[in-house]
Protein backbone atom coordinates (compact mmCIF):
# COMPACT_ATOMS: atom_id res chain seq x y z
CA MET A 1 13.14 17.19 -21.15
CA ALA A 2 9.77 15.48 -20.71
CA THR A 3 7.84 16.06 -17.51
CA SER A 4 7.77 12.99 -15.28
CA VAL A 5 4.42 11.36 -14.58
CA ARG A 6 4.71 12.29 -10.89
CA ALA A 7 5.30 15.98 -11.67
CA ARG A 8 2.24 16.41 -13.87
CA ARG A 9 -0.96 17.98 -12.65
CA ARG A 10 -3.56 15.56 -11.38
CA PRO A 11 -5.83 15.41 -14.49
CA ALA A 12 -2.85 15.01 -16.84
CA ARG A 13 -1.29 12.39 -14.55
CA GLN A 14 -4.54 10.44 -14.34
CA ALA A 15 -4.97 10.56 -18.13
CA THR A 16 -1.42 9.25 -18.60
CA VAL A 17 -2.03 6.40 -16.14
CA LEU A 18 -5.31 5.48 -17.84
CA ARG A 19 -3.59 5.45 -21.25
CA ALA A 20 -0.94 3.12 -19.81
CA ALA A 21 -3.70 0.84 -18.45
CA LEU A 22 -5.33 0.73 -21.89
CA ALA A 23 -1.95 0.02 -23.49
CA LEU A 24 -1.43 -2.87 -21.05
CA LEU A 25 -4.82 -4.29 -21.96
CA ALA A 26 -4.05 -3.93 -25.67
CA MET A 27 -0.66 -5.64 -25.18
CA VAL A 28 -1.63 -8.63 -23.06
CA GLY A 29 -5.43 -8.79 -23.02
CA ASP A 30 -5.84 -11.25 -25.90
CA ALA A 31 -3.03 -13.52 -24.67
CA VAL A 32 -4.45 -13.60 -21.13
CA ASP A 33 -7.94 -14.22 -22.51
CA GLU A 34 -6.69 -17.09 -24.70
CA ALA A 35 -5.19 -18.63 -21.54
CA GLY A 36 -8.71 -18.61 -20.05
CA ALA A 37 -7.77 -16.00 -17.45
CA GLY A 38 -8.97 -12.50 -16.72
CA LEU A 39 -7.10 -9.29 -16.00
CA SER A 40 -8.40 -6.90 -13.37
CA ILE A 41 -6.81 -3.47 -13.87
CA THR A 42 -6.69 -0.61 -11.38
CA ALA A 43 -5.52 2.82 -12.49
CA GLY A 44 -6.15 6.05 -10.69
CA LEU A 45 -4.45 9.15 -9.37
CA ARG A 46 -1.25 7.41 -8.28
CA PRO A 47 1.28 7.02 -11.08
CA LEU A 48 0.92 3.23 -11.13
CA VAL A 49 -1.10 0.66 -13.04
CA TYR A 50 -1.87 -2.42 -10.97
CA ALA A 51 -3.32 -5.51 -12.59
CA SER A 52 -4.20 -8.91 -11.18
CA VAL A 53 -4.53 -12.14 -13.16
CA TYR A 54 -7.44 -14.30 -12.08
CA SER A 55 -9.28 -17.40 -13.25
CA LEU A 56 -12.60 -17.08 -15.05
CA GLY A 57 -13.35 -20.80 -14.75
CA ALA A 58 -14.33 -23.36 -12.18
CA GLU A 59 -12.46 -23.67 -8.89
CA THR A 60 -10.72 -26.87 -10.00
CA ALA A 61 -8.96 -25.08 -12.88
CA VAL A 62 -7.85 -21.95 -11.03
CA GLU A 63 -4.10 -22.57 -10.70
CA PRO A 64 -3.31 -23.69 -14.26
CA VAL A 65 -5.36 -20.83 -15.70
CA ILE A 66 -3.69 -18.18 -13.54
CA LEU A 67 -0.26 -19.60 -14.34
CA ALA A 68 -1.08 -19.57 -18.05
CA GLY A 69 -2.22 -15.96 -17.71
CA ILE A 70 1.01 -14.92 -15.98
CA GLN A 71 3.03 -16.83 -18.59
CA ALA A 72 1.15 -14.94 -21.30
CA VAL A 73 2.03 -11.61 -19.65
CA ARG A 74 5.66 -12.75 -19.32
CA ASP A 75 5.81 -13.82 -22.96
CA VAL A 76 4.27 -10.62 -24.31
CA THR A 77 6.28 -8.21 -22.14
CA GLY A 78 9.50 -10.23 -22.12
CA VAL A 79 9.74 -9.67 -18.36
CA PRO A 80 10.08 -12.68 -16.03
CA PRO A 81 7.89 -12.93 -12.93
CA ILE A 82 9.45 -11.99 -9.58
CA CYS A 83 8.55 -13.61 -6.25
CA ALA A 84 6.91 -11.07 -3.92
CA PHE A 85 6.50 -13.46 -0.99
CA ASP A 86 6.75 -17.18 -0.34
CA SER A 87 5.40 -18.52 2.95
CA PRO A 88 4.00 -21.90 3.96
CA ASP A 89 0.46 -20.59 3.33
CA ALA A 90 0.80 -18.43 0.22
CA LEU A 91 3.04 -17.46 -2.66
CA GLY A 92 2.72 -14.20 -4.53
CA PHE A 93 4.57 -12.91 -7.57
CA PHE A 94 4.47 -10.14 -10.12
CA VAL A 95 5.66 -9.03 -13.53
CA GLU A 96 6.80 -5.42 -13.45
CA THR A 97 7.37 -3.19 -16.44
CA GLU A 98 6.83 0.39 -17.58
CA ILE A 99 4.42 1.67 -20.21
CA ALA A 100 4.54 5.29 -21.38
CA GLY A 101 6.60 6.20 -18.33
CA VAL A 102 4.09 4.65 -15.93
CA PRO A 103 5.11 1.73 -13.68
CA VAL A 104 2.94 -1.33 -14.34
CA GLN A 105 2.68 -4.32 -12.03
CA VAL A 106 0.77 -7.50 -12.94
CA THR A 107 0.35 -9.80 -9.93
CA SER A 108 -1.12 -13.04 -8.74
CA ARG A 109 -0.96 -15.34 -5.71
CA PHE A 110 -1.57 -18.94 -4.77
CA THR A 111 -2.71 -20.47 -1.50
CA THR A 112 -2.86 -24.18 -2.28
CA GLU A 113 0.13 -26.51 -2.21
CA ALA A 114 -0.37 -27.49 -5.85
CA GLY A 115 -0.63 -23.86 -6.95
CA MET A 116 2.41 -22.78 -4.94
CA ALA A 117 4.47 -25.67 -6.35
CA ALA A 118 3.48 -24.78 -9.91
CA ALA A 119 4.27 -21.11 -9.30
CA ARG A 120 7.67 -22.01 -7.83
CA ALA A 121 8.39 -24.03 -10.97
CA LEU A 122 7.46 -21.01 -13.11
CA LEU A 123 9.75 -18.81 -11.01
CA ALA A 124 12.64 -21.33 -10.98
CA PRO A 125 14.18 -20.30 -14.35
CA ALA A 126 14.26 -16.65 -13.20
CA VAL A 127 15.89 -17.66 -9.91
CA ALA A 128 18.46 -19.85 -11.67
CA ALA A 129 19.44 -17.12 -14.15
């Protein structure tokens, strides 16, 4: 039986998490980049890779670019986005998967009405299913 990521010694665990982060970048990096978005990845001692999709462009194009980036992650991983929170002031969601036994979470959030409406539309098929 393989040793779980959590049970490994710290250097081995960190190396496994970093490999998962690199695998995530290899999987979705080009698709996110083609959408005009960026991917900020955090990987460390905890057995988790956390990534955030953000816009590389001007402020006026933020929401469509971030949505396109999340759609690219969804399309490549085959995992639909899940709503993390939905309030009058903000909406956050994530795509969660596992790479090499390491949990991976790709997130984003919106704070404008237009962005939240577009994100809700992206989430609607997952809610209806």
